[in-house]
Amino acid sequence: MVLYALGHNYWWSSLRRSIYSVTAVYIFSNNQVDLVADDYYKKSIAINIDKGNLKLFA
């Protein structure tokens, strides 16, 4: 249970960081970097689903 909680917190902060990164990138940079950040964001979502932390999206 403790390990699950630690994993959950880790992936949740990772997802939040991804969202902040995407937001910052859209505000401060050009289209090419936007696409890179968007790709990172999608990979982060995919990683969360792979890890089974579907609670993040509930």
PDB file of N, CA and C in Angstrom:
ATOM      1  N   MET A   1       0.833  -1.203   0.000  1.00  0.00           N
ATOM      2  CA  MET A   1       0.000   0.000   0.000  1.00  0.00           C
ATOM      3  C   MET A   1       0.870   1.256   0.000  1.00  0.00           C
ATOM      4  N   VAL A   2       1.909   1.259   0.831  1.00  0.00           N
ATOM      5  CA  VAL A   2       2.798   2.425   0.867  1.00  0.00           C
ATOM      6  C   VAL A   2       3.486   2.606  -0.486  1.00  0.00           C
ATOM      7  N   LEU A   3       3.946   1.501  -1.060  1.00  0.00           N
ATOM      8  CA  LEU A   3       4.608   1.596  -2.366  1.00  0.00           C
ATOM      9  C   LEU A   3       3.638   2.123  -3.419  1.00  0.00           C
ATOM     10  N   TYR A   4       2.409   1.649  -3.365  1.00  0.00           N
ATOM     11  CA  TYR A   4       1.423   2.140  -4.333  1.00  0.00           C
ATOM     12  C   TYR A   4       1.218   3.642  -4.165  1.00  0.00           C
ATOM     13  N   ALA A   5       1.118   4.090  -2.904  1.00  0.00           N
ATOM     14  CA  ALA A   5       0.907   5.520  -2.645  1.00  0.00           C
ATOM     15  C   ALA A   5       2.085   6.340  -3.164  1.00  0.00           C
ATOM     16  N   LEU A   6       3.306   5.855  -2.929  1.00  0.00           N
ATOM     17  CA  LEU A   6       4.491   6.565  -3.417  1.00  0.00           C
ATOM     18  C   LEU A   6       4.482   6.628  -4.935  1.00  0.00           C
ATOM     19  N   GLY A   7       4.141   5.502  -5.579  1.00  0.00           N
ATOM     20  CA  GLY A   7       4.084   5.476  -7.035  1.00  0.00           C
ATOM     21  C   GLY A   7       3.024   6.423  -7.547  1.00  0.00           C
ATOM     22  N   HIS A   8       1.887   6.415  -6.885  1.00  0.00           N
ATOM     23  CA  HIS A   8       0.779   7.289  -7.292  1.00  0.00           C
ATOM     24  C   HIS A   8       1.198   8.753  -7.201  1.00  0.00           C
ATOM     25  N   ASN A   9       1.821   9.121  -6.085  1.00  0.00           N
ATOM     26  CA  ASN A   9       2.269  10.508  -5.916  1.00  0.00           C
ATOM     27  C   ASN A   9       3.314  10.876  -6.957  1.00  0.00           C
ATOM     28  N   TYR A  10       4.231   9.946  -7.219  1.00  0.00           N
ATOM     29  CA  TYR A  10       5.284  10.215  -8.197  1.00  0.00           C
ATOM     30  C   TYR A  10       4.679  10.489  -9.573  1.00  0.00           C
ATOM     31  N   TRP A  11       3.775   9.624 -10.020  1.00  0.00           N
ATOM     32  CA  TRP A  11       3.213   9.801 -11.364  1.00  0.00           C
ATOM     33  C   TRP A  11       2.304  11.010 -11.422  1.00  0.00           C
ATOM     34  N   TRP A  12       1.614  11.294 -10.335  1.00  0.00           N
ATOM     35  CA  TRP A  12       0.739  12.469 -10.310  1.00  0.00           C
ATOM     36  C   TRP A  12       1.567  13.742 -10.427  1.00  0.00           C
ATOM     37  N   SER A  13       2.707  13.830  -9.704  1.00  0.00           N
ATOM     38  CA  SER A  13       3.543  15.031  -9.829  1.00  0.00           C
ATOM     39  C   SER A  13       4.138  15.101 -11.222  1.00  0.00           C
ATOM     40  N   SER A  14       4.478  13.957 -11.779  1.00  0.00           N
ATOM     41  CA  SER A  14       5.033  13.927 -13.131  1.00  0.00           C
ATOM     42  C   SER A  14       4.008  14.477 -14.119  1.00  0.00           C
ATOM     43  N   LEU A  15       2.766  14.059 -13.954  1.00  0.00           N
ATOM     44  CA  LEU A  15       1.711  14.534 -14.858  1.00  0.00           C
ATOM     45  C   LEU A  15       1.492  16.032 -14.684  1.00  0.00           C
ATOM     46  N   ARG A  16       1.473  16.486 -13.444  1.00  0.00           N
ATOM     47  CA  ARG A  16       1.299  17.924 -13.193  1.00  0.00           C
ATOM     48  C   ARG A  16       2.431  18.725 -13.809  1.00  0.00           C
ATOM     49  N   ARG A  17       3.679  18.229 -13.633  1.00  0.00           N
ATOM     50  CA  ARG A  17       4.829  18.916 -14.239  1.00  0.00           C
ATOM     51  C   ARG A  17       4.673  18.979 -15.747  1.00  0.00           C
ATOM     52  N   SER A  18       4.183  17.911 -16.341  1.00  0.00           N
ATOM     53  CA  SER A  18       3.981  17.887 -17.791  1.00  0.00           C
ATOM     54  C   SER A  18       2.994  18.967 -18.208  1.00  0.00           C
ATOM     55  N   ILE A  19       1.910  19.076 -17.454  1.00  0.00           N
ATOM     56  CA  ILE A  19       0.892  20.075 -17.783  1.00  0.00           C
ATOM     57  C   ILE A  19       1.476  21.476 -17.667  1.00  0.00           C
ATOM     58  N   TYR A  20       2.239  21.728 -16.603  1.00  0.00           N
ATOM     59  CA  TYR A  20       2.861  23.043 -16.437  1.00  0.00           C
ATOM     60  C   TYR A  20       3.833  23.321 -17.581  1.00  0.00           C
ATOM     61  N   SER A  21       4.605  22.298 -17.967  1.00  0.00           N
ATOM     62  CA  SER A  21       5.570  22.468 -19.058  1.00  0.00           C
ATOM     63  C   SER A  21       4.860  22.835 -20.348  1.00  0.00           C
ATOM     64  N   VAL A  22       3.809  22.110 -20.662  1.00  0.00           N
ATOM     65  CA  VAL A  22       3.066  22.383 -21.894  1.00  0.00           C
ATOM     66  C   VAL A  22       2.523  23.800 -21.869  1.00  0.00           C
ATOM     67  N   THR A  23       1.942  24.197 -20.742  1.00  0.00           N
ATOM     68  CA  THR A  23       1.383  25.549 -20.627  1.00  0.00           C
ATOM     69  C   THR A  23       2.467  26.599 -20.836  1.00  0.00           C
ATOM     70  N   ALA A  24       3.595  26.432 -20.166  1.00  0.00           N
ATOM     71  CA  ALA A  24       4.686  27.399 -20.289  1.00  0.00           C
ATOM     72  C   ALA A  24       5.200  27.450 -21.720  1.00  0.00           C
ATOM     73  N   VAL A  25       5.318  26.283 -22.331  1.00  0.00           N
ATOM     74  CA  VAL A  25       5.840  26.229 -23.699  1.00  0.00           C
ATOM     75  C   VAL A  25       4.893  26.938 -24.663  1.00  0.00           C
ATOM     76  N   TYR A  26       3.609  26.718 -24.514  1.00  0.00           N
ATOM     77  CA  TYR A  26       2.662  27.394 -25.409  1.00  0.00           C
ATOM     78  C   TYR A  26       2.747  28.904 -25.247  1.00  0.00           C
ATOM     79  N   ILE A  27       2.970  29.354 -24.040  1.00  0.00           N
ATOM     80  CA  ILE A  27       3.015  30.798 -23.808  1.00  0.00           C
ATOM     81  C   ILE A  27       4.323  31.395 -24.322  1.00  0.00           C
ATOM     82  N   PHE A  28       5.454  30.723 -24.096  1.00  0.00           N
ATOM     83  CA  PHE A  28       6.750  31.374 -24.301  1.00  0.00           C
ATOM     84  C   PHE A  28       7.528  30.968 -25.539  1.00  0.00           C
ATOM     85  N   SER A  29       7.026  30.020 -26.345  1.00  0.00           N
ATOM     86  CA  SER A  29       7.918  29.564 -27.407  1.00  0.00           C
ATOM     87  C   SER A  29       7.229  29.395 -28.750  1.00  0.00           C
ATOM     88  N   ASN A  30       8.006  28.912 -29.728  1.00  0.00           N
ATOM     89  CA  ASN A  30       7.475  28.783 -31.087  1.00  0.00           C
ATOM     90  C   ASN A  30       6.805  27.424 -31.305  1.00  0.00           C
ATOM     91  N   ASN A  31       6.227  27.249 -32.479  1.00  0.00           N
ATOM     92  CA  ASN A  31       5.416  26.063 -32.758  1.00  0.00           C
ATOM     93  C   ASN A  31       6.202  24.761 -32.674  1.00  0.00           C
ATOM     94  N   GLN A  32       7.445  24.779 -33.114  1.00  0.00           N
ATOM     95  CA  GLN A  32       8.216  23.537 -33.098  1.00  0.00           C
ATOM     96  C   GLN A  32       8.398  23.033 -31.673  1.00  0.00           C
ATOM     97  N   VAL A  33       8.715  23.926 -30.744  1.00  0.00           N
ATOM     98  CA  VAL A  33       8.889  23.516 -29.347  1.00  0.00           C
ATOM     99  C   VAL A  33       7.539  23.094 -28.761  1.00  0.00           C
ATOM    100  N   ASP A  34       6.459  23.753 -29.177  1.00  0.00           N
ATOM    101  CA  ASP A  34       5.127  23.348 -28.726  1.00  0.00           C
ATOM    102  C   ASP A  34       4.895  21.873 -29.045  1.00  0.00           C
ATOM    103  N   LEU A  35       5.261  21.472 -30.254  1.00  0.00           N
ATOM    104  CA  LEU A  35       5.034  20.087 -30.654  1.00  0.00           C
ATOM    105  C   LEU A  35       5.861  19.125 -29.814  1.00  0.00           C
ATOM    106  N   VAL A  36       7.078  19.513 -29.498  1.00  0.00           N
ATOM    107  CA  VAL A  36       7.934  18.666 -28.656  1.00  0.00           C
ATOM    108  C   VAL A  36       7.302  18.496 -27.273  1.00  0.00           C
ATOM    109  N   ALA A  37       6.844  19.593 -26.691  1.00  0.00           N
ATOM    110  CA  ALA A  37       6.237  19.531 -25.358  1.00  0.00           C
ATOM    111  C   ALA A  37       4.960  18.702 -25.404  1.00  0.00           C
ATOM    112  N   ASP A  38       4.172  18.872 -26.456  1.00  0.00           N
ATOM    113  CA  ASP A  38       2.930  18.127 -26.583  1.00  0.00           C
ATOM    114  C   ASP A  38       3.230  16.628 -26.663  1.00  0.00           C
ATOM    115  N   ASP A  39       4.274  16.274 -27.371  1.00  0.00           N
ATOM    116  CA  ASP A  39       4.685  14.879 -27.486  1.00  0.00           C
ATOM    117  C   ASP A  39       5.086  14.341 -26.116  1.00  0.00           C
ATOM    118  N   TYR A  40       5.823  15.142 -25.343  1.00  0.00           N
ATOM    119  CA  TYR A  40       6.227  14.744 -23.994  1.00  0.00           C
ATOM    120  C   TYR A  40       4.995  14.518 -23.124  1.00  0.00           C
ATOM    121  N   TYR A  41       4.027  15.408 -23.242  1.00  0.00           N
ATOM    122  CA  TYR A  41       2.801  15.320 -22.466  1.00  0.00           C
ATOM    123  C   TYR A  41       2.050  14.031 -22.797  1.00  0.00           C
ATOM    124  N   LYS A  42       1.937  13.720 -24.085  1.00  0.00           N
ATOM    125  CA  LYS A  42       1.243  12.486 -24.478  1.00  0.00           C
ATOM    126  C   LYS A  42       1.975  11.260 -23.965  1.00  0.00           C
ATOM    127  N   LYS A  43       3.297  11.282 -24.009  1.00  0.00           N
ATOM    128  CA  LYS A  43       4.065  10.144 -23.491  1.00  0.00           C
ATOM    129  C   LYS A  43       3.835   9.986 -21.996  1.00  0.00           C
ATOM    130  N   SER A  44       3.750  11.090 -21.280  1.00  0.00           N
ATOM    131  CA  SER A  44       3.516  11.035 -19.841  1.00  0.00           C
ATOM    132  C   SER A  44       2.163  10.387 -19.555  1.00  0.00           C
ATOM    133  N   ILE A  45       1.139  10.765 -20.327  1.00  0.00           N
ATOM    134  CA  ILE A  45      -0.189  10.157 -20.178  1.00  0.00           C
ATOM    135  C   ILE A  45      -0.087   8.654 -20.433  1.00  0.00           C
ATOM    136  N   ALA A  46       0.620   8.280 -21.500  1.00  0.00           N
ATOM    137  CA  ALA A  46       0.754   6.867 -21.850  1.00  0.00           C
ATOM    138  C   ALA A  46       1.457   6.100 -20.727  1.00  0.00           C
ATOM    139  N   ILE A  47       2.489   6.694 -20.147  1.00  0.00           N
ATOM    140  CA  ILE A  47       3.213   6.056 -19.045  1.00  0.00           C
ATOM    141  C   ILE A  47       2.268   5.846 -17.861  1.00  0.00           C
ATOM    142  N   ASN A  48       1.458   6.847 -17.554  1.00  0.00           N
ATOM    143  CA  ASN A  48       0.521   6.714 -16.440  1.00  0.00           C
ATOM    144  C   ASN A  48      -0.461   5.579 -16.688  1.00  0.00           C
ATOM    145  N   ILE A  49      -0.957   5.461 -17.906  1.00  0.00           N
ATOM    146  CA  ILE A  49      -1.901   4.387 -18.217  1.00  0.00           C
ATOM    147  C   ILE A  49      -1.189   3.038 -18.113  1.00  0.00           C
ATOM    148  N   ASP A  50       0.042   2.956 -18.623  1.00  0.00           N
ATOM    149  CA  ASP A  50       0.804   1.713 -18.553  1.00  0.00           C
ATOM    150  C   ASP A  50       1.019   1.274 -17.112  1.00  0.00           C
ATOM    151  N   LYS A  51       1.231   2.240 -16.224  1.00  0.00           N
ATOM    152  CA  LYS A  51       1.479   1.911 -14.827  1.00  0.00           C
ATOM    153  C   LYS A  51       0.192   1.545 -14.096  1.00  0.00           C
ATOM    154  N   GLY A  52      -0.950   1.743 -14.751  1.00  0.00           N
ATOM    155  CA  GLY A  52      -2.210   1.355 -14.154  1.00  0.00           C
ATOM    156  C   GLY A  52      -2.790   2.396 -13.211  1.00  0.00           C
ATOM    157  N   ASN A  53      -2.282   3.622 -13.252  1.00  0.00           N
ATOM    158  CA  ASN A  53      -2.800   4.656 -12.362  1.00  0.00           C
ATOM    159  C   ASN A  53      -3.972   5.388 -13.012  1.00  0.00           C
ATOM    160  N   LEU A  54      -4.998   4.633 -13.361  1.00  0.00           N
ATOM    161  CA  LEU A  54      -6.135   5.232 -14.055  1.00  0.00           C
ATOM    162  C   LEU A  54      -6.918   6.184 -13.165  1.00  0.00           C
ATOM    163  N   LYS A  55      -6.687   6.089 -11.848  1.00  0.00           N
ATOM    164  CA  LYS A  55      -7.337   7.002 -10.904  1.00  0.00           C
ATOM    165  C   LYS A  55      -7.059   8.465 -11.257  1.00  0.00           C
ATOM    166  N   LEU A  56      -5.894   8.711 -11.851  1.00  0.00           N
ATOM    167  CA  LEU A  56      -5.497  10.080 -12.167  1.00  0.00           C
ATOM    168  C   LEU A  56      -6.507  10.754 -13.082  1.00  0.00           C
ATOM    169  N   PHE A  57      -7.240   9.943 -13.852  1.00  0.00           N
ATOM    170  CA  PHE A  57      -8.139  10.521 -14.840  1.00  0.00           C
ATOM    171  C   PHE A  57      -9.595  10.440 -14.414  1.00  0.00           C
ATOM    172  N   ALA A  58      -9.834   9.975 -13.196  1.00  0.00           N
ATOM    173  CA  ALA A  58     -11.222   9.791 -12.746  1.00  0.00           C
ATOM    174  C   ALA A  58     -11.803  11.118 -12.255  1.00  0.00           C
TER     175      ALA A  58
END
